[in-house]
Amino acid sequence: MKNKILTSISTIMLFVPWTILILRMFDWALQSPTAEIMISCYAAFMIFSGIFTIFSYAKGKVRSSLMRICLVVNSLYAAFGVFALALMYLPNLF
């Protein structure tokens, strides 16, 4: 039962980052402070989903084939989330 719940959560987390495409159709989402906040929140969620899936796979010992797909995709999401946050905030530090 625990394995199915963790797999379901990881699977749902696969599709959440794509909702930014729907939100970005609105004019208010393209303005400066709102766009930066949205991208930061989505990047943080992508990093969290990657970490959650990695821990579920490693520590929770969830080894289904769907979970392996979620592991690969959410790990890529996490890498892109770190990259997006680095692009946004590292230039401001120097």
PDB file of N, CA and C in Angstrom:
ATOM      1  N   MET A   1       0.831  -1.197   0.000  1.00  0.00           N
ATOM      2  CA  MET A   1       0.000   0.000   0.000  1.00  0.00           C
ATOM      3  C   MET A   1       0.873   1.258   0.000  1.00  0.00           C
ATOM      4  N   LYS A   2       1.945   1.253   0.800  1.00  0.00           N
ATOM      5  CA  LYS A   2       2.846   2.400   0.866  1.00  0.00           C
ATOM      6  C   LYS A   2       3.506   2.629  -0.485  1.00  0.00           C
ATOM      7  N   ASN A   3       3.869   1.552  -1.150  1.00  0.00           N
ATOM      8  CA  ASN A   3       4.514   1.666  -2.464  1.00  0.00           C
ATOM      9  C   ASN A   3       3.594   2.316  -3.493  1.00  0.00           C
ATOM     10  N   LYS A   4       2.316   1.959  -3.461  1.00  0.00           N
ATOM     11  CA  LYS A   4       1.359   2.534  -4.405  1.00  0.00           C
ATOM     12  C   LYS A   4       1.136   4.014  -4.137  1.00  0.00           C
ATOM     13  N   ILE A   5       1.110   4.381  -2.864  1.00  0.00           N
ATOM     14  CA  ILE A   5       0.914   5.797  -2.514  1.00  0.00           C
ATOM     15  C   ILE A   5       2.106   6.628  -2.968  1.00  0.00           C
ATOM     16  N   LEU A   6       3.317   6.148  -2.699  1.00  0.00           N
ATOM     17  CA  LEU A   6       4.516   6.879  -3.102  1.00  0.00           C
ATOM     18  C   LEU A   6       4.625   6.973  -4.623  1.00  0.00           C
ATOM     19  N   THR A   7       4.268   5.902  -5.312  1.00  0.00           N
ATOM     20  CA  THR A   7       4.287   5.920  -6.769  1.00  0.00           C
ATOM     21  C   THR A   7       3.241   6.885  -7.315  1.00  0.00           C
ATOM     22  N   SER A   8       2.064   6.920  -6.701  1.00  0.00           N
ATOM     23  CA  SER A   8       1.009   7.836  -7.147  1.00  0.00           C
ATOM     24  C   SER A   8       1.429   9.289  -6.961  1.00  0.00           C
ATOM     25  N   ILE A   9       2.029   9.602  -5.816  1.00  0.00           N
ATOM     26  CA  ILE A   9       2.480  10.972  -5.563  1.00  0.00           C
ATOM     27  C   ILE A   9       3.557  11.365  -6.572  1.00  0.00           C
ATOM     28  N   SER A  10       4.498  10.483  -6.809  1.00  0.00           N
ATOM     29  CA  SER A  10       5.566  10.784  -7.767  1.00  0.00           C
ATOM     30  C   SER A  10       5.023  10.942  -9.185  1.00  0.00           C
ATOM     31  N   THR A  11       4.014  10.164  -9.529  1.00  0.00           N
ATOM     32  CA  THR A  11       3.410  10.265 -10.860  1.00  0.00           C
ATOM     33  C   THR A  11       2.670  11.588 -11.019  1.00  0.00           C
ATOM     34  N   ILE A  12       1.955  12.016  -9.999  1.00  0.00           N
ATOM     35  CA  ILE A  12       1.260  13.305 -10.050  1.00  0.00           C
ATOM     36  C   ILE A  12       2.269  14.443 -10.171  1.00  0.00           C
ATOM     37  N   MET A  13       3.401  14.286  -9.483  1.00  0.00           N
ATOM     38  CA  MET A  13       4.436  15.320  -9.544  1.00  0.00           C
ATOM     39  C   MET A  13       5.060  15.444 -10.937  1.00  0.00           C
ATOM     40  N   LEU A  14       4.887  14.455 -11.781  1.00  0.00           N
ATOM     41  CA  LEU A  14       5.390  14.540 -13.153  1.00  0.00           C
ATOM     42  C   LEU A  14       4.665  15.609 -13.962  1.00  0.00           C
ATOM     43  N   PHE A  15       3.385  15.787 -13.698  1.00  0.00           N
ATOM     44  CA  PHE A  15       2.561  16.635 -14.548  1.00  0.00           C
ATOM     45  C   PHE A  15       2.388  18.058 -14.028  1.00  0.00           C
ATOM     46  N   VAL A  16       2.685  18.306 -12.772  1.00  0.00           N
ATOM     47  CA  VAL A  16       2.490  19.639 -12.190  1.00  0.00           C
ATOM     48  C   VAL A  16       3.355  20.706 -12.863  1.00  0.00           C
ATOM     49  N   PRO A  17       4.636  20.470 -13.162  1.00  0.00           N
ATOM     50  CA  PRO A  17       5.418  21.532 -13.805  1.00  0.00           C
ATOM     51  C   PRO A  17       4.883  21.991 -15.156  1.00  0.00           C
ATOM     52  N   TRP A  18       4.134  21.167 -15.832  1.00  0.00           N
ATOM     53  CA  TRP A  18       3.591  21.551 -17.130  1.00  0.00           C
ATOM     54  C   TRP A  18       2.440  22.536 -17.012  1.00  0.00           C
ATOM     55  N   THR A  19       1.898  22.724 -15.811  1.00  0.00           N
ATOM     56  CA  THR A  19       0.812  23.691 -15.644  1.00  0.00           C
ATOM     57  C   THR A  19       1.298  25.121 -15.803  1.00  0.00           C
ATOM     58  N   ILE A  20       2.609  25.344 -15.753  1.00  0.00           N
ATOM     59  CA  ILE A  20       3.127  26.694 -15.976  1.00  0.00           C
ATOM     60  C   ILE A  20       2.818  27.166 -17.396  1.00  0.00           C
ATOM     61  N   LEU A  21       2.722  26.253 -18.336  1.00  0.00           N
ATOM     62  CA  LEU A  21       2.386  26.641 -19.707  1.00  0.00           C
ATOM     63  C   LEU A  21       0.983  27.229 -19.795  1.00  0.00           C
ATOM     64  N   ILE A  22       0.080  26.708 -18.995  1.00  0.00           N
ATOM     65  CA  ILE A  22      -1.290  27.234 -18.967  1.00  0.00           C
ATOM     66  C   ILE A  22      -1.310  28.603 -18.301  1.00  0.00           C
ATOM     67  N   LEU A  23      -0.590  28.741 -17.184  1.00  0.00           N
ATOM     68  CA  LEU A  23      -0.581  30.007 -16.472  1.00  0.00           C
ATOM     69  C   LEU A  23       0.107  31.115 -17.267  1.00  0.00           C
ATOM     70  N   ARG A  24       1.104  30.757 -18.060  1.00  0.00           N
ATOM     71  CA  ARG A  24       1.848  31.768 -18.800  1.00  0.00           C
ATOM     72  C   ARG A  24       1.059  32.334 -19.988  1.00  0.00           C
ATOM     73  N   MET A  25      -0.126  31.829 -20.253  1.00  0.00           N
ATOM     74  CA  MET A  25      -0.966  32.392 -21.306  1.00  0.00           C
ATOM     75  C   MET A  25      -1.612  33.703 -20.874  1.00  0.00           C
ATOM     76  N   PHE A  26      -1.661  33.959 -19.589  1.00  0.00           N
ATOM     77  CA  PHE A  26      -2.273  35.177 -19.078  1.00  0.00           C
ATOM     78  C   PHE A  26      -1.246  36.313 -19.045  1.00  0.00           C
ATOM     79  N   ASP A  27      -1.703  37.518 -19.295  1.00  0.00           N
ATOM     80  CA  ASP A  27      -0.805  38.669 -19.327  1.00  0.00           C
ATOM     81  C   ASP A  27      -0.182  38.965 -17.964  1.00  0.00           C
ATOM     82  N   TRP A  28      -0.941  38.779 -16.892  1.00  0.00           N
ATOM     83  CA  TRP A  28      -0.411  39.067 -15.568  1.00  0.00           C
ATOM     84  C   TRP A  28       0.743  38.144 -15.197  1.00  0.00           C
ATOM     85  N   ALA A  29       0.805  36.960 -15.787  1.00  0.00           N
ATOM     86  CA  ALA A  29       1.871  36.011 -15.469  1.00  0.00           C
ATOM     87  C   ALA A  29       3.175  36.345 -16.185  1.00  0.00           C
ATOM     88  N   LEU A  30       3.125  37.251 -17.140  1.00  0.00           N
ATOM     89  CA  LEU A  30       4.323  37.613 -17.888  1.00  0.00           C
ATOM     90  C   LEU A  30       4.997  38.867 -17.356  1.00  0.00           C
ATOM     91  N   GLN A  31       4.376  39.532 -16.401  1.00  0.00           N
ATOM     92  CA  GLN A  31       4.959  40.751 -15.843  1.00  0.00           C
ATOM     93  C   GLN A  31       6.055  40.394 -14.850  1.00  0.00           C
ATOM     94  N   SER A  32       6.971  41.316 -14.654  1.00  0.00           N
ATOM     95  CA  SER A  32       8.238  41.050 -13.990  1.00  0.00           C
ATOM     96  C   SER A  32       8.167  40.393 -12.605  1.00  0.00           C
ATOM     97  N   PRO A  33       7.552  40.964 -11.611  1.00  0.00           N
ATOM     98  CA  PRO A  33       7.658  40.263 -10.315  1.00  0.00           C
ATOM     99  C   PRO A  33       6.871  38.954 -10.277  1.00  0.00           C
ATOM    100  N   THR A  34       5.753  38.916 -10.951  1.00  0.00           N
ATOM    101  CA  THR A  34       4.942  37.697 -10.945  1.00  0.00           C
ATOM    102  C   THR A  34       5.649  36.562 -11.674  1.00  0.00           C
ATOM    103  N   ALA A  35       6.252  36.851 -12.798  1.00  0.00           N
ATOM    104  CA  ALA A  35       6.946  35.813 -13.570  1.00  0.00           C
ATOM    105  C   ALA A  35       8.120  35.246 -12.783  1.00  0.00           C
ATOM    106  N   GLU A  36       8.872  36.105 -12.120  1.00  0.00           N
ATOM    107  CA  GLU A  36      10.016  35.631 -11.342  1.00  0.00           C
ATOM    108  C   GLU A  36       9.580  34.767 -10.165  1.00  0.00           C
ATOM    109  N   ILE A  37       8.508  35.170  -9.515  1.00  0.00           N
ATOM    110  CA  ILE A  37       8.003  34.384  -8.384  1.00  0.00           C
ATOM    111  C   ILE A  37       7.477  33.039  -8.863  1.00  0.00           C
ATOM    112  N   MET A  38       6.750  33.038  -9.981  1.00  0.00           N
ATOM    113  CA  MET A  38       6.218  31.774 -10.508  1.00  0.00           C
ATOM    114  C   MET A  38       7.331  30.819 -10.899  1.00  0.00           C
ATOM    115  N   ILE A  39       8.335  31.323 -11.579  1.00  0.00           N
ATOM    116  CA  ILE A  39       9.434  30.459 -12.003  1.00  0.00           C
ATOM    117  C   ILE A  39      10.184  29.930 -10.798  1.00  0.00           C
ATOM    118  N   SER A  40      10.370  30.756  -9.784  1.00  0.00           N
ATOM    119  CA  SER A  40      11.044  30.300  -8.562  1.00  0.00           C
ATOM    120  C   SER A  40      10.247  29.213  -7.852  1.00  0.00           C
ATOM    121  N   CYS A  41       8.950  29.410  -7.769  1.00  0.00           N
ATOM    122  CA  CYS A  41       8.101  28.412  -7.104  1.00  0.00           C
ATOM    123  C   CYS A  41       8.076  27.093  -7.872  1.00  0.00           C
ATOM    124  N   TYR A  42       7.958  27.171  -9.177  1.00  0.00           N
ATOM    125  CA  TYR A  42       7.966  25.952  -9.977  1.00  0.00           C
ATOM    126  C   TYR A  42       9.313  25.243  -9.895  1.00  0.00           C
ATOM    127  N   ALA A  43      10.403  26.011  -9.909  1.00  0.00           N
ATOM    128  CA  ALA A  43      11.731  25.404  -9.791  1.00  0.00           C
ATOM    129  C   ALA A  43      11.897  24.736  -8.432  1.00  0.00           C
ATOM    130  N   ALA A  44      11.423  25.381  -7.372  1.00  0.00           N
ATOM    131  CA  ALA A  44      11.503  24.780  -6.037  1.00  0.00           C
ATOM    132  C   ALA A  44      10.667  23.504  -5.963  1.00  0.00           C
ATOM    133  N   PHE A  45       9.484  23.522  -6.584  1.00  0.00           N
ATOM    134  CA  PHE A  45       8.659  22.319  -6.599  1.00  0.00           C
ATOM    135  C   PHE A  45       9.333  21.192  -7.375  1.00  0.00           C
ATOM    136  N   MET A  46       9.976  21.531  -8.481  1.00  0.00           N
ATOM    137  CA  MET A  46      10.656  20.516  -9.281  1.00  0.00           C
ATOM    138  C   MET A  46      11.821  19.905  -8.512  1.00  0.00           C
ATOM    139  N   ILE A  47      12.545  20.725  -7.770  1.00  0.00           N
ATOM    140  CA  ILE A  47      13.637  20.206  -6.941  1.00  0.00           C
ATOM    141  C   ILE A  47      13.080  19.308  -5.846  1.00  0.00           C
ATOM    142  N   PHE A  48      11.990  19.747  -5.204  1.00  0.00           N
ATOM    143  CA  PHE A  48      11.370  18.929  -4.166  1.00  0.00           C
ATOM    144  C   PHE A  48      10.869  17.601  -4.726  1.00  0.00           C
ATOM    145  N   SER A  49      10.243  17.633  -5.898  1.00  0.00           N
ATOM    146  CA  SER A  49       9.722  16.384  -6.463  1.00  0.00           C
ATOM    147  C   SER A  49      10.844  15.430  -6.826  1.00  0.00           C
ATOM    148  N   GLY A  50      11.963  15.959  -7.297  1.00  0.00           N
ATOM    149  CA  GLY A  50      13.109  15.105  -7.580  1.00  0.00           C
ATOM    150  C   GLY A  50      13.674  14.463  -6.328  1.00  0.00           C
ATOM    151  N   ILE A  51      13.826  15.253  -5.279  1.00  0.00           N
ATOM    152  CA  ILE A  51      14.338  14.725  -4.008  1.00  0.00           C
ATOM    153  C   ILE A  51      13.369  13.711  -3.411  1.00  0.00           C
ATOM    154  N   PHE A  52      12.070  14.015  -3.470  1.00  0.00           N
ATOM    155  CA  PHE A  52      11.057  13.097  -2.940  1.00  0.00           C
ATOM    156  C   PHE A  52      11.095  11.758  -3.671  1.00  0.00           C
ATOM    157  N   THR A  53      11.196  11.800  -4.985  1.00  0.00           N
ATOM    158  CA  THR A  53      11.206  10.567  -5.767  1.00  0.00           C
ATOM    159  C   THR A  53      12.480   9.768  -5.522  1.00  0.00           C
ATOM    160  N   ILE A  54      13.615  10.459  -5.417  1.00  0.00           N
ATOM    161  CA  ILE A  54      14.876   9.764  -5.139  1.00  0.00           C
ATOM    162  C   ILE A  54      14.815   9.066  -3.785  1.00  0.00           C
ATOM    163  N   PHE A  55      14.311   9.760  -2.770  1.00  0.00           N
ATOM    164  CA  PHE A  55      14.206   9.142  -1.448  1.00  0.00           C
ATOM    165  C   PHE A  55      13.173   8.015  -1.422  1.00  0.00           C
ATOM    166  N   SER A  56      12.080   8.181  -2.147  1.00  0.00           N
ATOM    167  CA  SER A  56      11.085   7.115  -2.206  1.00  0.00           C
ATOM    168  C   SER A  56      11.653   5.866  -2.865  1.00  0.00           C
ATOM    169  N   TYR A  57      12.441   6.075  -3.896  1.00  0.00           N
ATOM    170  CA  TYR A  57      13.033   4.944  -4.608  1.00  0.00           C
ATOM    171  C   TYR A  57      14.128   4.285  -3.776  1.00  0.00           C
ATOM    172  N   ALA A  58      14.960   5.092  -3.144  1.00  0.00           N
ATOM    173  CA  ALA A  58      16.113   4.547  -2.418  1.00  0.00           C
ATOM    174  C   ALA A  58      15.739   4.046  -1.027  1.00  0.00           C
ATOM    175  N   LYS A  59      15.139   4.906  -0.240  1.00  0.00           N
ATOM    176  CA  LYS A  59      14.847   4.543   1.156  1.00  0.00           C
ATOM    177  C   LYS A  59      13.544   3.760   1.293  1.00  0.00           C
ATOM    178  N   GLY A  60      12.553   4.107   0.471  1.00  0.00           N
ATOM    179  CA  GLY A  60      11.266   3.424   0.545  1.00  0.00           C
ATOM    180  C   GLY A  60      11.244   2.111  -0.203  1.00  0.00           C
ATOM    181  N   LYS A  61      12.287   1.861  -0.967  1.00  0.00           N
ATOM    182  CA  LYS A  61      12.424   0.623  -1.736  1.00  0.00           C
ATOM    183  C   LYS A  61      11.225   0.365  -2.663  1.00  0.00           C
ATOM    184  N   VAL A  62      10.781   1.442  -3.312  1.00  0.00           N
ATOM    185  CA  VAL A  62       9.713   1.320  -4.297  1.00  0.00           C
ATOM    186  C   VAL A  62      10.391   1.091  -5.646  1.00  0.00           C
ATOM    187  N   ARG A  63      10.268  -0.107  -6.204  1.00  0.00           N
ATOM    188  CA  ARG A  63      11.032  -0.488  -7.389  1.00  0.00           C
ATOM    189  C   ARG A  63      10.161  -0.859  -8.592  1.00  0.00           C
ATOM    190  N   SER A  64       8.989  -0.284  -8.709  1.00  0.00           N
ATOM    191  CA  SER A  64       8.141  -0.607  -9.857  1.00  0.00           C
ATOM    192  C   SER A  64       8.666   0.094 -11.108  1.00  0.00           C
ATOM    193  N   SER A  65       8.211  -0.351 -12.257  1.00  0.00           N
ATOM    194  CA  SER A  65       8.687   0.253 -13.510  1.00  0.00           C
ATOM    195  C   SER A  65       8.171   1.685 -13.658  1.00  0.00           C
ATOM    196  N   LEU A  66       6.970   1.968 -13.188  1.00  0.00           N
ATOM    197  CA  LEU A  66       6.455   3.335 -13.221  1.00  0.00           C
ATOM    198  C   LEU A  66       7.291   4.246 -12.327  1.00  0.00           C
ATOM    199  N   MET A  67       7.723   3.720 -11.189  1.00  0.00           N
ATOM    200  CA  MET A  67       8.550   4.518 -10.292  1.00  0.00           C
ATOM    201  C   MET A  67       9.917   4.788 -10.901  1.00  0.00           C
ATOM    202  N   ARG A  68      10.440   3.875 -11.685  1.00  0.00           N
ATOM    203  CA  ARG A  68      11.717   4.113 -12.358  1.00  0.00           C
ATOM    204  C   ARG A  68      11.594   5.232 -13.383  1.00  0.00           C
ATOM    205  N   ILE A  69      10.473   5.264 -14.091  1.00  0.00           N
ATOM    206  CA  ILE A  69      10.224   6.354 -15.033  1.00  0.00           C
ATOM    207  C   ILE A  69      10.106   7.675 -14.285  1.00  0.00           C
ATOM    208  N   CYS A  70       9.359   7.662 -13.191  1.00  0.00           N
ATOM    209  CA  CYS A  70       9.219   8.865 -12.364  1.00  0.00           C
ATOM    210  C   CYS A  70      10.570   9.315 -11.822  1.00  0.00           C
ATOM    211  N   LEU A  71      11.417   8.372 -11.460  1.00  0.00           N
ATOM    212  CA  LEU A  71      12.745   8.694 -10.943  1.00  0.00           C
ATOM    213  C   LEU A  71      13.577   9.427 -11.989  1.00  0.00           C
ATOM    214  N   VAL A  72      13.571   8.939 -13.201  1.00  0.00           N
ATOM    215  CA  VAL A  72      14.361   9.568 -14.262  1.00  0.00           C
ATOM    216  C   VAL A  72      13.816  10.965 -14.581  1.00  0.00           C
ATOM    217  N   VAL A  73      12.518  11.064 -14.785  1.00  0.00           N
ATOM    218  CA  VAL A  73      11.931  12.340 -15.194  1.00  0.00           C
ATOM    219  C   VAL A  73      12.029  13.370 -14.070  1.00  0.00           C
ATOM    220  N   ASN A  74      11.694  12.982 -12.844  1.00  0.00           N
ATOM    221  CA  ASN A  74      11.759  13.932 -11.738  1.00  0.00           C
ATOM    222  C   ASN A  74      13.195  14.312 -11.400  1.00  0.00           C
ATOM    223  N   SER A  75      14.143  13.430 -11.632  1.00  0.00           N
ATOM    224  CA  SER A  75      15.550  13.800 -11.441  1.00  0.00           C
ATOM    225  C   SER A  75      15.973  14.834 -12.478  1.00  0.00           C
ATOM    226  N   LEU A  76      15.511  14.672 -13.715  1.00  0.00           N
ATOM    227  CA  LEU A  76      15.787  15.689 -14.732  1.00  0.00           C
ATOM    228  C   LEU A  76      15.110  17.011 -14.386  1.00  0.00           C
ATOM    229  N   TYR A  77      13.877  16.946 -13.888  1.00  0.00           N
ATOM    230  CA  TYR A  77      13.192  18.155 -13.435  1.00  0.00           C
ATOM    231  C   TYR A  77      13.994  18.850 -12.333  1.00  0.00           C
ATOM    232  N   ALA A  78      14.511  18.081 -11.397  1.00  0.00           N
ATOM    233  CA  ALA A  78      15.284  18.664 -10.299  1.00  0.00           C
ATOM    234  C   ALA A  78      16.544  19.340 -10.827  1.00  0.00           C
ATOM    235  N   ALA A  79      17.212  18.710 -11.773  1.00  0.00           N
ATOM    236  CA  ALA A  79      18.420  19.307 -12.346  1.00  0.00           C
ATOM    237  C   ALA A  79      18.080  20.614 -13.069  1.00  0.00           C
ATOM    238  N   PHE A  80      17.003  20.625 -13.833  1.00  0.00           N
ATOM    239  CA  PHE A  80      16.600  21.841 -14.524  1.00  0.00           C
ATOM    240  C   PHE A  80      16.118  22.908 -13.536  1.00  0.00           C
ATOM    241  N   GLY A  81      15.503  22.495 -12.443  1.00  0.00           N
ATOM    242  CA  GLY A  81      15.096  23.446 -11.406  1.00  0.00           C
ATOM    243  C   GLY A  81      16.282  24.125 -10.753  1.00  0.00           C
ATOM    244  N   VAL A  82      17.314  23.349 -10.449  1.00  0.00           N
ATOM    245  CA  VAL A  82      18.539  23.937  -9.893  1.00  0.00           C
ATOM    246  C   VAL A  82      19.173  24.880 -10.908  1.00  0.00           C
ATOM    247  N   PHE A  83      19.179  24.479 -12.155  1.00  0.00           N
ATOM    248  CA  PHE A  83      19.745  25.308 -13.220  1.00  0.00           C
ATOM    249  C   PHE A  83      18.960  26.613 -13.363  1.00  0.00           C
ATOM    250  N   ALA A  84      17.631  26.549 -13.306  1.00  0.00           N
ATOM    251  CA  ALA A  84      16.805  27.754 -13.438  1.00  0.00           C
ATOM    252  C   ALA A  84      17.036  28.702 -12.266  1.00  0.00           C
ATOM    253  N   LEU A  85      17.091  28.162 -11.057  1.00  0.00           N
ATOM    254  CA  LEU A  85      17.346  29.020  -9.894  1.00  0.00           C
ATOM    255  C   LEU A  85      18.743  29.621  -9.951  1.00  0.00           C
ATOM    256  N   ALA A  86      19.704  28.850 -10.425  1.00  0.00           N
ATOM    257  CA  ALA A  86      21.063  29.372 -10.549  1.00  0.00           C
ATOM    258  C   ALA A  86      21.117  30.501 -11.570  1.00  0.00           C
ATOM    259  N   LEU A  87      20.408  30.357 -12.683  1.00  0.00           N
ATOM    260  CA  LEU A  87      20.373  31.424 -13.684  1.00  0.00           C
ATOM    261  C   LEU A  87      19.704  32.681 -13.149  1.00  0.00           C
ATOM    262  N   MET A  88      18.729  32.506 -12.278  1.00  0.00           N
ATOM    263  CA  MET A  88      18.000  33.659 -11.758  1.00  0.00           C
ATOM    264  C   MET A  88      18.762  34.394 -10.656  1.00  0.00           C
ATOM    265  N   TYR A  89      19.426  33.643  -9.776  1.00  0.00           N
ATOM    266  CA  TYR A  89      19.947  34.272  -8.569  1.00  0.00           C
ATOM    267  C   TYR A  89      21.464  34.398  -8.514  1.00  0.00           C
ATOM    268  N   LEU A  90      22.213  33.595  -9.216  1.00  0.00           N
ATOM    269  CA  LEU A  90      23.676  33.716  -9.169  1.00  0.00           C
ATOM    270  C   LEU A  90      24.196  34.993  -9.836  1.00  0.00           C
ATOM    271  N   PRO A  91      23.655  35.433 -10.959  1.00  0.00           N
ATOM    272  CA  PRO A  91      24.152  36.695 -11.523  1.00  0.00           C
ATOM    273  C   PRO A  91      23.951  37.890 -10.584  1.00  0.00           C
ATOM    274  N   ASN A  92      22.959  37.826  -9.716  1.00  0.00           N
ATOM    275  CA  ASN A  92      22.706  38.914  -8.782  1.00  0.00           C
ATOM    276  C   ASN A  92      23.707  38.942  -7.640  1.00  0.00           C
ATOM    277  N   LEU A  93      24.398  37.838  -7.397  1.00  0.00           N
ATOM    278  CA  LEU A  93      25.358  37.787  -6.298  1.00  0.00           C
ATOM    279  C   LEU A  93      26.690  38.414  -6.669  1.00  0.00           C
ATOM    280  N   PHE A  94      27.000  38.454  -7.953  1.00  0.00           N
ATOM    281  CA  PHE A  94      28.327  38.949  -8.368  1.00  0.00           C
ATOM    282  C   PHE A  94      28.259  40.303  -8.997  1.00  0.00           C
TER     283      PHE A  94
END
